[in-house]
Amino acid sequence: MPTVSTSTATIAAEVRQAYDRALLIQARPELVHCQFGSKKPIPKGQGNIINMRRVELLSPATTPLTEGVTPNGSALTVSNVPITVQQYGDYVALTDKVTWQSIDPLVIETISVQAQQAANTLDQLARDTFVTGASVRYAGGQLSRSAVTSANIMTGLEIKRAVRTLKKNNAQRINGSYVCIVSPDTSMDIQGISEWLAVKEYSDRKDLYNGELGMLYGVRFVETTNAKIFVGQGSGGIDVHCSLFFGQDAFGTSEIDGEALQTISSPLGSGGSSDPLAQRQTQAWKATWGSTILNDYFVTRVEHAVSA
């Protein structure tokens, strides 16, 4: 149990807002997976589950019309995909002694590391949802993750096959391209492919994604250390890296409106009788978050090894 009550009533509103802005500004660049989710917040007082709705495509109307006869027509089919939102958070406790002995501005330093912690938390939650899709290919034609060998690295052919899967599933491109999230080890391998186009070589570098590296075969690649790695699960105990390919509206995310990510500052003395000598203060963050795959046809992953 925490030793200090977490209340924001004892700090000025403008200080709280400044802390919130600092947290958000520092966290946002790290949210690599989250940036691709179609976000729909839940209004306060409306529970913690929201249904993301989509209208399914109509079948082609290939039967010729008969003169003077009205056809039966088609009925729309609407699918609901639920997202459950939950709370996440953590706090750091500081004593009065460390605050007046330290030469560092500890509250600001704490907010900085908590921003990184919060971003990592939400991004990994999103990642772990997004890599559960049904569509997967194991590099080198292997039949399972445990069969992936050290020779089965990401190649141009594997990328083309992933693109083919998305095309055949009618996945729509995002601003003209598909997207793939990769690990730094994977990016080293794919940047050696002759057709690789680095970001610095783009004719138009506006609206780059967080972590974007370059483009290959109509796919924009985004690098993050949060890319999914199945540690020790390949052949001979090697690590298996997951490269996540997707198109428009593959994923969905949600939050409680106004409760996405916030700071909670409890200064010295705010603990009342549990801290009668005003010896402790806490700096905390709290977020509401939920994510899901909206359409399994619009996402596929390649599981593979990487070069040493």
Protein backbone atom coordinates (compact mmCIF):
# COMPACT_ATOMS: atom_id res chain seq x y z
CA MET A 1 0.00 0.00 0.00
CA PRO A 2 1.28 3.54 -0.72
CA THR A 3 2.43 5.51 2.31
CA VAL A 4 1.19 8.91 1.12
CA SER A 5 -2.31 9.88 -0.01
CA THR A 6 -2.33 10.86 -3.68
CA SER A 7 -4.23 14.11 -3.99
CA THR A 8 -3.76 17.02 -6.35
CA ALA A 9 -5.86 19.42 -4.30
CA THR A 10 -2.81 20.84 -2.53
CA ILE A 11 -0.90 22.03 -5.59
CA ALA A 12 -1.79 24.96 -7.79
CA ALA A 13 -3.74 24.11 -10.95
CA GLU A 14 -1.20 25.80 -13.21
CA VAL A 15 1.61 23.69 -11.71
CA ARG A 16 -0.38 20.52 -12.33
CA GLN A 17 -1.05 21.58 -15.92
CA ALA A 18 2.63 22.31 -16.50
CA TYR A 19 3.54 18.87 -15.16
CA ASP A 20 0.88 17.25 -17.36
CA ARG A 21 2.24 19.02 -20.45
CA ALA A 22 5.80 17.99 -19.59
CA LEU A 23 4.72 14.37 -19.22
CA LEU A 24 2.81 14.34 -22.50
CA ILE A 25 5.50 16.14 -24.50
CA GLN A 26 8.19 13.73 -23.38
CA ALA A 27 6.06 10.59 -23.72
CA ARG A 28 4.59 11.22 -27.17
CA PRO A 29 7.73 10.50 -29.30
CA GLU A 30 8.09 7.06 -27.70
CA LEU A 31 4.58 5.88 -28.55
CA VAL A 32 5.59 4.16 -31.79
CA HIS A 33 2.91 1.45 -31.88
CA CYS A 34 0.21 3.68 -30.44
CA GLN A 35 0.49 6.24 -33.24
CA PHE A 36 -1.12 3.80 -35.70
CA GLY A 37 -4.24 2.97 -33.69
CA SER A 38 -7.60 4.39 -34.73
CA LYS A 39 -8.48 6.12 -31.45
CA LYS A 40 -11.98 6.47 -30.05
CA PRO A 41 -12.22 7.67 -26.43
CA ILE A 42 -14.95 6.65 -24.02
CA PRO A 43 -16.91 9.55 -22.46
CA LYS A 44 -16.74 9.69 -18.68
CA GLY A 45 -19.61 7.93 -17.02
CA GLN A 46 -20.08 5.50 -19.93
CA GLY A 47 -18.23 2.48 -18.53
CA ASN A 48 -14.89 1.12 -19.69
CA ILE A 49 -15.82 -0.85 -22.84
CA ILE A 50 -16.37 0.67 -26.26
CA ASN A 51 -17.37 -1.02 -29.50
CA MET A 52 -15.45 0.01 -32.60
CA ARG A 53 -17.88 -0.50 -35.47
CA ARG A 54 -17.21 -1.20 -39.12
CA VAL A 55 -19.51 -1.81 -42.07
CA GLU A 56 -18.44 -4.92 -43.97
CA LEU A 57 -17.85 -4.71 -47.72
CA LEU A 58 -20.70 -5.62 -50.06
CA SER A 59 -20.32 -8.53 -52.48
CA PRO A 60 -19.84 -7.57 -56.16
CA ALA A 61 -23.13 -7.19 -58.02
CA THR A 62 -22.26 -9.39 -61.03
CA THR A 63 -25.79 -10.42 -62.03
CA PRO A 64 -27.15 -8.34 -64.95
CA LEU A 65 -30.26 -6.30 -64.24
CA THR A 66 -33.49 -7.47 -65.81
CA GLU A 67 -35.42 -4.79 -67.62
CA GLY A 68 -38.19 -3.43 -65.46
CA VAL A 69 -37.34 -5.69 -62.51
CA THR A 70 -36.00 -4.29 -59.24
CA PRO A 71 -33.33 -6.57 -57.77
CA ASN A 72 -33.44 -7.75 -54.16
CA GLY A 73 -30.69 -5.38 -53.04
CA SER A 74 -28.12 -5.97 -50.34
CA ALA A 75 -28.22 -5.71 -46.57
CA LEU A 76 -25.48 -3.99 -44.63
CA THR A 77 -23.54 -6.02 -42.09
CA VAL A 78 -22.06 -4.11 -39.16
CA SER A 79 -19.36 -5.71 -37.00
CA ASN A 80 -18.59 -4.63 -33.45
CA VAL A 81 -15.07 -4.98 -32.07
CA PRO A 82 -14.94 -4.24 -28.32
CA ILE A 83 -12.06 -2.52 -26.54
CA THR A 84 -11.78 -2.77 -22.76
CA VAL A 85 -10.00 0.16 -21.09
CA GLN A 86 -8.05 -0.34 -17.86
CA GLN A 87 -5.93 1.84 -15.57
CA TYR A 88 -2.15 1.76 -15.39
CA GLY A 89 0.29 3.83 -13.37
CA ASP A 90 3.18 4.08 -10.93
CA TYR A 91 4.67 6.52 -8.46
CA VAL A 92 7.98 7.58 -6.92
CA ALA A 93 8.26 8.54 -3.25
CA LEU A 94 10.76 11.23 -2.23
CA THR A 95 11.73 12.16 1.33
CA ASP A 96 12.11 15.71 2.53
CA LYS A 97 15.78 15.10 3.23
CA VAL A 98 16.64 13.95 -0.29
CA THR A 99 14.81 16.93 -1.81
CA TRP A 100 16.84 19.51 0.13
CA GLN A 101 20.15 17.62 -0.06
CA SER A 102 20.01 16.83 -3.78
CA ILE A 103 21.60 19.21 -6.27
CA ASP A 104 19.18 18.05 -8.98
CA PRO A 105 15.63 19.34 -9.62
CA LEU A 106 14.13 16.04 -8.57
CA VAL A 107 10.49 16.66 -9.49
CA ILE A 108 11.39 17.58 -13.08
CA GLU A 109 13.83 14.65 -13.27
CA THR A 110 11.14 12.34 -11.93
CA ILE A 111 8.61 13.53 -14.51
CA SER A 112 11.16 12.90 -17.24
CA VAL A 113 11.80 9.28 -16.29
CA GLN A 114 8.11 8.69 -15.62
CA ALA A 115 7.26 9.98 -19.09
CA GLN A 116 9.58 7.36 -20.53
CA GLN A 117 8.09 4.71 -18.23
CA ALA A 118 4.52 5.63 -19.16
CA ALA A 119 5.31 5.67 -22.88
CA ASN A 120 7.04 2.29 -22.66
CA THR A 121 4.14 0.85 -20.71
CA LEU A 122 1.43 1.96 -23.16
CA ASP A 123 3.50 1.17 -26.24
CA GLN A 124 4.30 -2.35 -25.04
CA LEU A 125 0.64 -2.93 -24.17
CA ALA A 126 -0.32 -1.89 -27.70
CA ARG A 127 2.46 -4.00 -29.22
CA ASP A 128 1.47 -7.12 -27.31
CA THR A 129 -2.08 -6.72 -28.62
CA PHE A 130 -1.06 -6.02 -32.22
CA VAL A 131 1.21 -9.09 -32.55
CA THR A 132 -1.60 -11.53 -31.69
CA GLY A 133 -3.09 -11.46 -35.18
CA ALA A 134 -3.95 -14.69 -36.98
CA SER A 135 -1.86 -13.90 -40.07
CA VAL A 136 1.79 -14.88 -39.61
CA ARG A 137 4.62 -16.13 -41.81
CA TYR A 138 7.80 -17.73 -40.51
CA ALA A 139 10.85 -16.67 -42.53
CA GLY A 140 12.44 -19.19 -44.85
CA GLY A 141 9.20 -21.12 -45.18
CA GLN A 142 9.46 -22.55 -41.67
CA LEU A 143 6.27 -23.91 -40.16
CA SER A 144 6.58 -22.62 -36.62
CA ARG A 145 8.40 -20.12 -34.43
CA SER A 146 10.49 -22.85 -32.85
CA ALA A 147 11.70 -23.92 -36.30
CA VAL A 148 13.13 -20.49 -37.24
CA THR A 149 16.91 -20.80 -37.61
CA SER A 150 19.66 -18.20 -37.53
CA ALA A 151 19.74 -18.27 -41.35
CA ASN A 152 16.08 -17.21 -41.63
CA ILE A 153 16.61 -13.45 -41.57
CA MET A 154 14.36 -10.77 -43.06
CA THR A 155 14.90 -10.50 -46.81
CA GLY A 156 13.42 -8.56 -49.69
CA LEU A 157 11.41 -11.64 -50.67
CA GLU A 158 9.87 -11.90 -47.20
CA ILE A 159 8.85 -8.24 -47.39
CA LYS A 160 7.28 -8.75 -50.82
CA ARG A 161 5.35 -11.74 -49.52
CA ALA A 162 3.99 -9.71 -46.61
CA VAL A 163 2.93 -6.95 -49.01
CA ARG A 164 1.25 -9.56 -51.20
CA THR A 165 -0.73 -10.81 -48.20
CA LEU A 166 -2.02 -7.32 -47.42
CA LYS A 167 -2.86 -6.66 -51.07
CA LYS A 168 -4.78 -9.93 -51.41
CA ASN A 169 -6.71 -9.07 -48.25
CA ASN A 170 -7.64 -5.67 -49.72
CA ALA A 171 -5.89 -3.81 -46.89
CA GLN A 172 -5.93 -0.10 -47.66
CA ARG A 173 -2.64 1.78 -47.59
CA ILE A 174 -1.95 4.56 -45.08
CA ASN A 175 -1.17 7.73 -47.02
CA GLY A 176 -0.18 5.64 -50.02
CA SER A 177 1.98 3.03 -48.27
CA TYR A 178 1.82 0.09 -45.92
CA VAL A 179 3.74 0.33 -42.63
CA CYS A 180 6.04 -2.11 -40.87
CA ILE A 181 7.40 -1.85 -37.32
CA VAL A 182 10.82 -3.47 -36.87
CA SER A 183 13.57 -3.87 -34.29
CA PRO A 184 16.98 -2.16 -34.67
CA ASP A 185 18.54 -5.54 -35.54
CA THR A 186 15.99 -6.07 -38.29
CA SER A 187 16.47 -2.57 -39.66
CA MET A 188 20.19 -3.26 -40.05
CA ASP A 189 19.37 -6.25 -42.27
CA ILE A 190 16.79 -4.55 -44.48
CA GLN A 191 18.87 -1.41 -44.99
CA GLY A 192 21.35 -3.60 -46.85
CA ILE A 193 18.76 -4.36 -49.57
CA SER A 194 19.70 -2.47 -52.73
CA GLU A 195 16.27 -0.85 -53.25
CA TRP A 196 16.24 0.66 -49.76
CA LEU A 197 15.23 4.35 -49.71
CA ALA A 198 16.31 6.17 -46.55
CA VAL A 199 14.25 8.99 -45.05
CA LYS A 200 16.94 11.50 -46.01
CA GLU A 201 16.37 10.52 -49.65
CA TYR A 202 12.62 11.18 -49.60
CA SER A 203 11.51 13.90 -51.98
CA ASP A 204 8.97 14.99 -49.35
CA ARG A 205 9.85 14.51 -45.68
CA LYS A 206 6.72 16.03 -44.20
CA ASP A 207 4.54 14.03 -41.83
CA LEU A 208 7.10 11.38 -40.95
CA TYR A 209 6.06 8.78 -38.42
CA ASN A 210 7.79 8.60 -35.06
CA GLY A 211 10.78 6.33 -35.61
CA GLU A 212 10.51 6.21 -39.41
CA LEU A 213 13.69 5.00 -41.14
CA GLY A 214 12.91 4.57 -44.79
CA MET A 215 10.89 2.80 -47.46
CA LEU A 216 11.10 -0.45 -49.41
CA TYR A 217 8.64 -2.09 -51.82
CA GLY A 218 5.85 0.31 -50.91
CA VAL A 219 6.31 -0.13 -47.15
CA ARG A 220 7.40 2.60 -44.74
CA PHE A 221 9.55 1.12 -41.97
CA VAL A 222 9.43 2.34 -38.38
CA GLU A 223 12.12 1.29 -35.90
CA THR A 224 11.71 0.85 -32.16
CA THR A 225 13.43 -1.04 -29.37
CA ASN A 226 9.90 -2.04 -28.34
CA ALA A 227 9.44 -4.23 -31.42
CA LYS A 228 8.33 -7.68 -30.29
CA ILE A 229 11.10 -10.23 -29.76
CA PHE A 230 10.33 -13.80 -28.71
CA VAL A 231 13.41 -14.39 -26.61
CA GLY A 232 14.95 -17.84 -26.93
CA GLN A 233 11.95 -19.30 -28.79
CA GLY A 234 13.65 -20.11 -32.11
CA SER A 235 15.62 -23.17 -33.18
CA GLY A 236 18.58 -23.75 -30.88
CA GLY A 237 17.26 -21.12 -28.47
CA ILE A 238 17.78 -18.12 -30.78
CA ASP A 239 15.67 -14.98 -30.44
CA VAL A 240 12.85 -14.61 -32.96
CA HIS A 241 12.09 -11.06 -34.06
CA CYS A 242 8.60 -10.01 -35.13
CA SER A 243 8.14 -7.52 -37.98
CA LEU A 244 4.60 -6.16 -38.01
CA PHE A 245 3.10 -5.17 -41.40
CA PHE A 246 -0.28 -3.45 -41.60
CA GLY A 247 -2.59 -1.11 -43.45
CA GLN A 248 -5.26 1.46 -42.62
CA ASP A 249 -7.56 0.79 -39.64
CA ALA A 250 -5.84 -2.43 -38.63
CA PHE A 251 -5.76 -1.45 -34.95
CA GLY A 252 -7.93 0.44 -32.51
CA THR A 253 -7.16 2.14 -29.21
CA SER A 254 -9.25 3.80 -26.56
CA GLU A 255 -9.04 5.75 -23.32
CA ILE A 256 -11.41 7.43 -20.89
CA ASP A 257 -12.00 10.96 -22.14
CA GLY A 258 -9.81 13.36 -20.17
CA GLU A 259 -8.00 10.54 -18.34
CA ALA A 260 -5.52 9.46 -21.01
CA LEU A 261 -2.29 10.33 -19.21
CA GLN A 262 -1.91 12.55 -16.19
CA THR A 263 0.45 13.44 -13.37
CA ILE A 264 -0.47 13.23 -9.69
CA SER A 265 1.74 15.33 -7.43
CA SER A 266 1.42 14.96 -3.67
CA PRO A 267 3.77 17.45 -1.95
CA LEU A 268 5.30 17.24 1.51
CA GLY A 269 2.60 17.21 4.16
CA SER A 270 -0.20 16.02 1.90
CA GLY A 271 -0.27 12.62 3.63
CA GLY A 272 -2.03 14.00 6.70
CA SER A 273 -1.84 11.77 9.78
CA SER A 274 0.05 9.08 7.83
CA ASP A 275 2.91 11.57 7.40
CA PRO A 276 2.67 13.80 10.49
CA LEU A 277 6.17 15.27 10.09
CA ALA A 278 5.77 16.06 6.38
CA GLN A 279 8.67 13.79 5.50
CA ARG A 280 7.39 12.28 2.24
CA GLN A 281 6.09 13.40 -1.12
CA THR A 282 5.18 11.45 -4.23
CA GLN A 283 5.22 12.06 -7.95
CA ALA A 284 2.97 9.73 -9.94
CA TRP A 285 1.48 9.09 -13.34
CA LYS A 286 -1.76 7.36 -14.24
CA ALA A 287 -3.32 6.45 -17.56
CA THR A 288 -6.37 4.72 -18.98
CA TRP A 289 -5.70 2.53 -21.98
CA GLY A 290 -7.11 -0.22 -24.18
CA SER A 291 -6.25 -1.61 -27.62
CA THR A 292 -7.35 -4.29 -30.06
CA ILE A 293 -6.94 -5.58 -33.61
CA LEU A 294 -9.85 -4.19 -35.60
CA ASN A 295 -9.40 -6.33 -38.69
CA ASP A 296 -7.19 -9.41 -38.86
CA TYR A 297 -7.09 -9.14 -42.65
CA PHE A 298 -5.30 -5.80 -42.49
CA VAL A 299 -2.29 -6.95 -40.45
CA THR A 300 0.31 -9.66 -40.91
CA ARG A 301 3.62 -10.37 -39.25
CA VAL A 302 6.85 -12.05 -40.24
CA GLU A 303 8.77 -13.89 -37.53
CA HIS A 304 12.44 -14.25 -38.33
CA ALA A 305 16.03 -14.25 -37.13
CA VAL A 306 18.51 -11.36 -37.47
CA SER A 307 22.13 -11.14 -38.52
CA ALA A 308 24.76 -11.41 -35.82
